[in-house]
Amino acid sequence: MPRLSPKIDAASLRDLLAAPDAPRLLDVRTPAEFAAAHIPGSYNVPLDTLREHRAELRGSLDGVVLVCRTGARAAQADRALGEAGMTNVHILDGGIAAWEAAGAPLNRNRSRWDLERQVRLVAGVLVLTGVVGGLALPGLEWLAAAVGAGLTIAALTNTCMMGMLLAKLPFNRTTACNAESMVALLRDGRSC
């Protein structure tokens, strides 16, 4: 069974962040989600970047708390860091949604839809297109069935192929530091 690091609740994390030896916060959401709202002092290391550079991150960090929207992507990042041998890792329980619900501070910038909302929109449009379009073009209703099957698999595996694809679209990316610069910034405690 894959390891899962301990979870930390928002109140405990706030206390840890006030300490002099505070852990680094790695937000593994897309750059666009991070730009919309993030925990002050957190670093955006998107999940795909983290996976590619986990060995470099392991050598640059002592302790880390992983953050995403609800905790699913943070759990995936935890597994990747565990495979690289990093042990001092925690996951923010409930993610940024729980952090916000606890009344903890957030830096808010541009208003962007989070990835989960984008997936719901695209899935809904595809299902609607399949059902309504199937009235005019028989067989198109299978599009709705395919989306339903995809959503079922996403729920069973706790991964989302549609979300991963949407994360790669230009409007979900922002200008960001390259991976080598990010590792150096994390090591030195500076921000991008």
C-alpha atoms as a PDB file:
ATOM      1  CA  MET A   1       0.000   0.000   0.000  1.00  0.00           C
ATOM      2  CA  PRO A   2       1.404   3.442  -0.898  1.00  0.00           C
ATOM      3  CA  ARG A   3       2.409   5.632   1.970  1.00  0.00           C
ATOM      4  CA  LEU A   4       0.279   8.590   2.929  1.00  0.00           C
ATOM      5  CA  SER A   5       1.838  11.301   5.039  1.00  0.00           C
ATOM      6  CA  PRO A   6       0.043  12.633   8.085  1.00  0.00           C
ATOM      7  CA  LYS A   7      -2.619  15.244   7.529  1.00  0.00           C
ATOM      8  CA  ILE A   8      -2.563  18.563   9.311  1.00  0.00           C
ATOM      9  CA  ASP A   9      -5.651  20.695   9.905  1.00  0.00           C
ATOM     10  CA  ALA A  10      -5.828  24.407   9.130  1.00  0.00           C
ATOM     11  CA  ALA A  11      -5.583  25.550  12.772  1.00  0.00           C
ATOM     12  CA  SER A  12      -2.483  23.431  13.433  1.00  0.00           C
ATOM     13  CA  LEU A  13      -0.882  24.649  10.217  1.00  0.00           C
ATOM     14  CA  ARG A  14      -1.485  28.267  11.204  1.00  0.00           C
ATOM     15  CA  ASP A  15       0.329  27.589  14.474  1.00  0.00           C
ATOM     16  CA  LEU A  16       3.232  25.914  12.642  1.00  0.00           C
ATOM     17  CA  LEU A  17       3.534  28.816  10.201  1.00  0.00           C
ATOM     18  CA  ALA A  18       3.912  31.250  13.099  1.00  0.00           C
ATOM     19  CA  ALA A  19       6.930  29.301  14.423  1.00  0.00           C
ATOM     20  CA  PRO A  20      10.476  30.292  13.442  1.00  0.00           C
ATOM     21  CA  ASP A  21      11.161  26.913  11.797  1.00  0.00           C
ATOM     22  CA  ALA A  22       7.954  26.890   9.747  1.00  0.00           C
ATOM     23  CA  PRO A  23       7.678  24.256   7.028  1.00  0.00           C
ATOM     24  CA  ARG A  24       7.543  25.235   3.381  1.00  0.00           C
ATOM     25  CA  LEU A  25       4.098  25.154   1.800  1.00  0.00           C
ATOM     26  CA  LEU A  26       4.031  23.593  -1.660  1.00  0.00           C
ATOM     27  CA  ASP A  27       0.809  24.342  -3.520  1.00  0.00           C
ATOM     28  CA  VAL A  28       0.495  21.684  -6.235  1.00  0.00           C
ATOM     29  CA  ARG A  29      -2.468  23.257  -8.061  1.00  0.00           C
ATOM     30  CA  THR A  30      -2.187  24.794 -11.516  1.00  0.00           C
ATOM     31  CA  PRO A  31      -0.545  28.206 -11.824  1.00  0.00           C
ATOM     32  CA  ALA A  32      -3.921  29.758 -12.696  1.00  0.00           C
ATOM     33  CA  GLU A  33      -5.558  28.311  -9.566  1.00  0.00           C
ATOM     34  CA  PHE A  34      -2.609  29.499  -7.488  1.00  0.00           C
ATOM     35  CA  ALA A  35      -2.822  32.976  -9.023  1.00  0.00           C
ATOM     36  CA  ALA A  36      -6.509  33.204  -8.097  1.00  0.00           C
ATOM     37  CA  ALA A  37      -5.992  32.411  -4.398  1.00  0.00           C
ATOM     38  CA  HIS A  38      -3.195  30.934  -2.312  1.00  0.00           C
ATOM     39  CA  ILE A  39      -1.917  30.768   1.238  1.00  0.00           C
ATOM     40  CA  PRO A  40       0.521  33.629   1.915  1.00  0.00           C
ATOM     41  CA  GLY A  41       4.109  32.402   1.710  1.00  0.00           C
ATOM     42  CA  SER A  42       3.278  29.260  -0.260  1.00  0.00           C
ATOM     43  CA  TYR A  43       5.165  28.172  -3.352  1.00  0.00           C
ATOM     44  CA  ASN A  44       3.449  27.013  -6.515  1.00  0.00           C
ATOM     45  CA  VAL A  45       4.965  23.743  -7.681  1.00  0.00           C
ATOM     46  CA  PRO A  46       2.324  22.212  -9.979  1.00  0.00           C
ATOM     47  CA  LEU A  47       1.872  18.474  -9.596  1.00  0.00           C
ATOM     48  CA  ASP A  48       3.463  17.613 -12.959  1.00  0.00           C
ATOM     49  CA  THR A  49       6.498  19.800 -12.171  1.00  0.00           C
ATOM     50  CA  LEU A  50       6.804  18.270  -8.714  1.00  0.00           C
ATOM     51  CA  ARG A  51       6.766  14.756 -10.190  1.00  0.00           C
ATOM     52  CA  GLU A  52       9.509  15.637 -12.684  1.00  0.00           C
ATOM     53  CA  HIS A  53      11.759  17.321 -10.111  1.00  0.00           C
ATOM     54  CA  ARG A  54      11.029  15.417  -6.908  1.00  0.00           C
ATOM     55  CA  ALA A  55      14.652  14.359  -6.398  1.00  0.00           C
ATOM     56  CA  GLU A  56      15.860  17.973  -6.544  1.00  0.00           C
ATOM     57  CA  LEU A  57      13.079  19.013  -4.153  1.00  0.00           C
ATOM     58  CA  ARG A  58      14.034  16.286  -1.694  1.00  0.00           C
ATOM     59  CA  GLY A  59      17.560  17.650  -1.546  1.00  0.00           C
ATOM     60  CA  SER A  60      16.349  21.221  -1.002  1.00  0.00           C
ATOM     61  CA  LEU A  61      13.672  20.871   1.663  1.00  0.00           C
ATOM     62  CA  ASP A  62      13.618  19.740   5.279  1.00  0.00           C
ATOM     63  CA  GLY A  63       9.878  19.797   5.915  1.00  0.00           C
ATOM     64  CA  VAL A  64       6.951  20.492   3.663  1.00  0.00           C
ATOM     65  CA  VAL A  65       3.170  20.763   3.765  1.00  0.00           C
ATOM     66  CA  LEU A  66       1.418  19.928   0.507  1.00  0.00           C
ATOM     67  CA  VAL A  67      -1.619  21.986  -0.481  1.00  0.00           C
ATOM     68  CA  CYS A  68      -4.197  21.639  -3.258  1.00  0.00           C
ATOM     69  CA  ARG A  69      -7.908  22.407  -3.514  1.00  0.00           C
ATOM     70  CA  THR A  70      -9.265  19.484  -1.462  1.00  0.00           C
ATOM     71  CA  GLY A  71      -6.345  17.123  -0.818  1.00  0.00           C
ATOM     72  CA  ALA A  72      -6.464  14.688  -3.762  1.00  0.00           C
ATOM     73  CA  ARG A  73      -3.603  16.211  -5.765  1.00  0.00           C
ATOM     74  CA  ALA A  74      -1.625  16.730  -2.557  1.00  0.00           C
ATOM     75  CA  ALA A  75      -1.932  12.980  -1.889  1.00  0.00           C
ATOM     76  CA  GLN A  76      -0.562  12.289  -5.393  1.00  0.00           C
ATOM     77  CA  ALA A  77       2.316  14.705  -4.734  1.00  0.00           C
ATOM     78  CA  ASP A  78       2.942  12.968  -1.399  1.00  0.00           C
ATOM     79  CA  ARG A  79       3.310   9.610  -3.154  1.00  0.00           C
ATOM     80  CA  ALA A  80       5.765  11.153  -5.645  1.00  0.00           C
ATOM     81  CA  LEU A  81       7.874  12.688  -2.871  1.00  0.00           C
ATOM     82  CA  GLY A  82       7.741   9.415  -0.930  1.00  0.00           C
ATOM     83  CA  GLU A  83       9.099   7.563  -3.967  1.00  0.00           C
ATOM     84  CA  ALA A  84      11.982  10.061  -3.959  1.00  0.00           C
ATOM     85  CA  GLY A  85      12.677   9.294  -0.289  1.00  0.00           C
ATOM     86  CA  MET A  86      11.283  12.459   1.287  1.00  0.00           C
ATOM     87  CA  THR A  87       9.836  11.694   4.708  1.00  0.00           C
ATOM     88  CA  ASN A  88       9.079  14.975   6.495  1.00  0.00           C
ATOM     89  CA  VAL A  89       5.859  15.682   4.576  1.00  0.00           C
ATOM     90  CA  HIS A  90       2.349  16.633   5.697  1.00  0.00           C
ATOM     91  CA  ILE A  91      -0.853  17.191   3.726  1.00  0.00           C
ATOM     92  CA  LEU A  92      -3.218  20.073   4.497  1.00  0.00           C
ATOM     93  CA  ASP A  93      -6.411  18.216   5.431  1.00  0.00           C
ATOM     94  CA  GLY A  94      -9.209  19.431   3.178  1.00  0.00           C
ATOM     95  CA  GLY A  95      -6.829  21.607   1.167  1.00  0.00           C
ATOM     96  CA  ILE A  96      -7.296  25.277   0.407  1.00  0.00           C
ATOM     97  CA  ALA A  97     -11.075  24.826   0.734  1.00  0.00           C
ATOM     98  CA  ALA A  98     -10.664  23.854   4.418  1.00  0.00           C
ATOM     99  CA  TRP A  99      -8.106  26.631   4.936  1.00  0.00           C
ATOM    100  CA  GLU A 100     -10.578  29.200   3.620  1.00  0.00           C
ATOM    101  CA  ALA A 101     -13.481  27.686   5.621  1.00  0.00           C
ATOM    102  CA  ALA A 102     -11.379  28.079   8.776  1.00  0.00           C
ATOM    103  CA  GLY A 103     -11.110  31.814   8.086  1.00  0.00           C
ATOM    104  CA  ALA A 104      -7.354  31.608   7.495  1.00  0.00           C
ATOM    105  CA  PRO A 105      -5.743  34.277   5.308  1.00  0.00           C
ATOM    106  CA  LEU A 106      -5.559  33.928   1.536  1.00  0.00           C
ATOM    107  CA  ASN A 107      -3.844  36.063  -1.051  1.00  0.00           C
ATOM    108  CA  ARG A 108      -6.450  36.657  -3.746  1.00  0.00           C
ATOM    109  CA  ASN A 109      -5.631  37.867  -7.205  1.00  0.00           C
ATOM    110  CA  ARG A 110      -7.305  37.246 -10.516  1.00  0.00           C
ATOM    111  CA  SER A 111     -10.649  35.568 -10.552  1.00  0.00           C
ATOM    112  CA  ARG A 112     -10.159  32.190 -12.236  1.00  0.00           C
ATOM    113  CA  TRP A 113     -12.214  29.063 -12.095  1.00  0.00           C
ATOM    114  CA  ASP A 114     -10.584  26.258 -10.181  1.00  0.00           C
ATOM    115  CA  LEU A 115      -9.881  23.045 -12.040  1.00  0.00           C
ATOM    116  CA  GLU A 116     -12.743  21.118 -10.437  1.00  0.00           C
ATOM    117  CA  ARG A 117     -15.242  23.709 -11.671  1.00  0.00           C
ATOM    118  CA  GLN A 118     -13.743  23.594 -15.174  1.00  0.00           C
ATOM    119  CA  VAL A 119     -14.100  19.788 -15.215  1.00  0.00           C
ATOM    120  CA  ARG A 120     -17.767  20.060 -14.185  1.00  0.00           C
ATOM    121  CA  LEU A 121     -18.387  22.579 -16.983  1.00  0.00           C
ATOM    122  CA  VAL A 122     -16.669  20.541 -19.699  1.00  0.00           C
ATOM    123  CA  ALA A 123     -18.261  17.264 -18.556  1.00  0.00           C
ATOM    124  CA  GLY A 124     -21.694  18.904 -18.427  1.00  0.00           C
ATOM    125  CA  VAL A 125     -21.339  20.432 -21.889  1.00  0.00           C
ATOM    126  CA  LEU A 126     -20.180  17.110 -23.345  1.00  0.00           C
ATOM    127  CA  VAL A 127     -23.066  15.188 -21.760  1.00  0.00           C
ATOM    128  CA  LEU A 128     -25.605  17.796 -22.867  1.00  0.00           C
ATOM    129  CA  THR A 129     -24.147  17.789 -26.382  1.00  0.00           C
ATOM    130  CA  GLY A 130     -24.289  13.987 -26.501  1.00  0.00           C
ATOM    131  CA  VAL A 131     -27.876  13.736 -25.302  1.00  0.00           C
ATOM    132  CA  VAL A 132     -29.375  16.644 -27.257  1.00  0.00           C
ATOM    133  CA  GLY A 133     -27.183  16.057 -30.305  1.00  0.00           C
ATOM    134  CA  GLY A 134     -28.151  12.384 -30.230  1.00  0.00           C
ATOM    135  CA  LEU A 135     -31.696  13.414 -31.139  1.00  0.00           C
ATOM    136  CA  ALA A 136     -30.461  14.789 -34.457  1.00  0.00           C
ATOM    137  CA  LEU A 137     -27.484  12.507 -35.002  1.00  0.00           C
ATOM    138  CA  PRO A 138     -28.108   8.969 -33.713  1.00  0.00           C
ATOM    139  CA  GLY A 139     -25.107   7.540 -31.903  1.00  0.00           C
ATOM    140  CA  LEU A 140     -23.926  10.854 -30.475  1.00  0.00           C
ATOM    141  CA  GLU A 141     -25.509   9.911 -27.143  1.00  0.00           C
ATOM    142  CA  TRP A 142     -22.541   7.563 -26.687  1.00  0.00           C
ATOM    143  CA  LEU A 143     -20.514  10.707 -25.982  1.00  0.00           C
ATOM    144  CA  ALA A 144     -22.557  11.129 -22.799  1.00  0.00           C
ATOM    145  CA  ALA A 145     -21.915   7.483 -21.913  1.00  0.00           C
ATOM    146  CA  ALA A 146     -18.162   7.934 -22.443  1.00  0.00           C
ATOM    147  CA  VAL A 147     -18.098  11.002 -20.190  1.00  0.00           C
ATOM    148  CA  GLY A 148     -20.068   9.100 -17.542  1.00  0.00           C
ATOM    149  CA  ALA A 149     -17.600   6.216 -17.728  1.00  0.00           C
ATOM    150  CA  GLY A 150     -14.690   8.646 -17.437  1.00  0.00           C
ATOM    151  CA  LEU A 151     -16.203  10.307 -14.367  1.00  0.00           C
ATOM    152  CA  THR A 152     -16.798   6.896 -12.790  1.00  0.00           C
ATOM    153  CA  ILE A 153     -13.183   5.893 -13.352  1.00  0.00           C
ATOM    154  CA  ALA A 154     -12.044   9.270 -11.994  1.00  0.00           C
ATOM    155  CA  ALA A 155     -14.013   8.679  -8.803  1.00  0.00           C
ATOM    156  CA  LEU A 156     -12.778   5.100  -8.364  1.00  0.00           C
ATOM    157  CA  THR A 157      -9.112   5.960  -8.950  1.00  0.00           C
ATOM    158  CA  ASN A 158      -9.204   9.434  -7.358  1.00  0.00           C
ATOM    159  CA  THR A 159      -7.562  10.839 -10.486  1.00  0.00           C
ATOM    160  CA  CYS A 160      -9.066  12.881 -13.277  1.00  0.00           C
ATOM    161  CA  MET A 161      -7.764  12.624 -16.830  1.00  0.00           C
ATOM    162  CA  MET A 162     -10.000  15.524 -17.926  1.00  0.00           C
ATOM    163  CA  GLY A 163      -8.561  17.677 -15.136  1.00  0.00           C
ATOM    164  CA  MET A 164      -5.007  16.760 -16.124  1.00  0.00           C
ATOM    165  CA  LEU A 165      -5.740  17.706 -19.730  1.00  0.00           C
ATOM    166  CA  LEU A 166      -7.441  20.978 -18.765  1.00  0.00           C
ATOM    167  CA  ALA A 167      -4.459  21.874 -16.558  1.00  0.00           C
ATOM    168  CA  LYS A 168      -2.257  21.885 -19.662  1.00  0.00           C
ATOM    169  CA  LEU A 169      -4.375  24.445 -21.549  1.00  0.00           C
ATOM    170  CA  PRO A 170      -2.890  27.938 -21.949  1.00  0.00           C
ATOM    171  CA  PHE A 171      -5.484  29.704 -19.765  1.00  0.00           C
ATOM    172  CA  ASN A 172      -4.547  27.412 -16.857  1.00  0.00           C
ATOM    173  CA  ARG A 173      -0.908  28.375 -17.087  1.00  0.00           C
ATOM    174  CA  THR A 174       0.725  31.591 -16.041  1.00  0.00           C
ATOM    175  CA  THR A 175       4.251  32.847 -16.305  1.00  0.00           C
ATOM    176  CA  ALA A 176       6.087  30.961 -13.624  1.00  0.00           C
ATOM    177  CA  CYS A 177       9.586  30.245 -12.477  1.00  0.00           C
ATOM    178  CA  ASN A 178      11.285  27.349 -14.187  1.00  0.00           C
ATOM    179  CA  ALA A 179      11.889  24.230 -12.111  1.00  0.00           C
ATOM    180  CA  GLU A 180      15.576  24.913 -11.447  1.00  0.00           C
ATOM    181  CA  SER A 181      14.817  28.435 -10.225  1.00  0.00           C
ATOM    182  CA  MET A 182      11.978  27.116  -8.062  1.00  0.00           C
ATOM    183  CA  VAL A 183      14.274  24.577  -6.369  1.00  0.00           C
ATOM    184  CA  ALA A 184      16.804  27.339  -5.643  1.00  0.00           C
ATOM    185  CA  LEU A 185      14.084  29.631  -4.279  1.00  0.00           C
ATOM    186  CA  LEU A 186      12.723  26.902  -2.013  1.00  0.00           C
ATOM    187  CA  ARG A 187      16.220  26.111  -0.747  1.00  0.00           C
ATOM    188  CA  ASP A 188      16.910  29.774   0.005  1.00  0.00           C
ATOM    189  CA  GLY A 189      13.420  30.620   1.305  1.00  0.00           C
ATOM    190  CA  ARG A 190      12.773  33.319  -1.304  1.00  0.00           C
ATOM    191  CA  SER A 191       9.719  33.733  -3.517  1.00  0.00           C
ATOM    192  CA  CYS A 192       9.308  33.952  -7.292  1.00  0.00           C
END
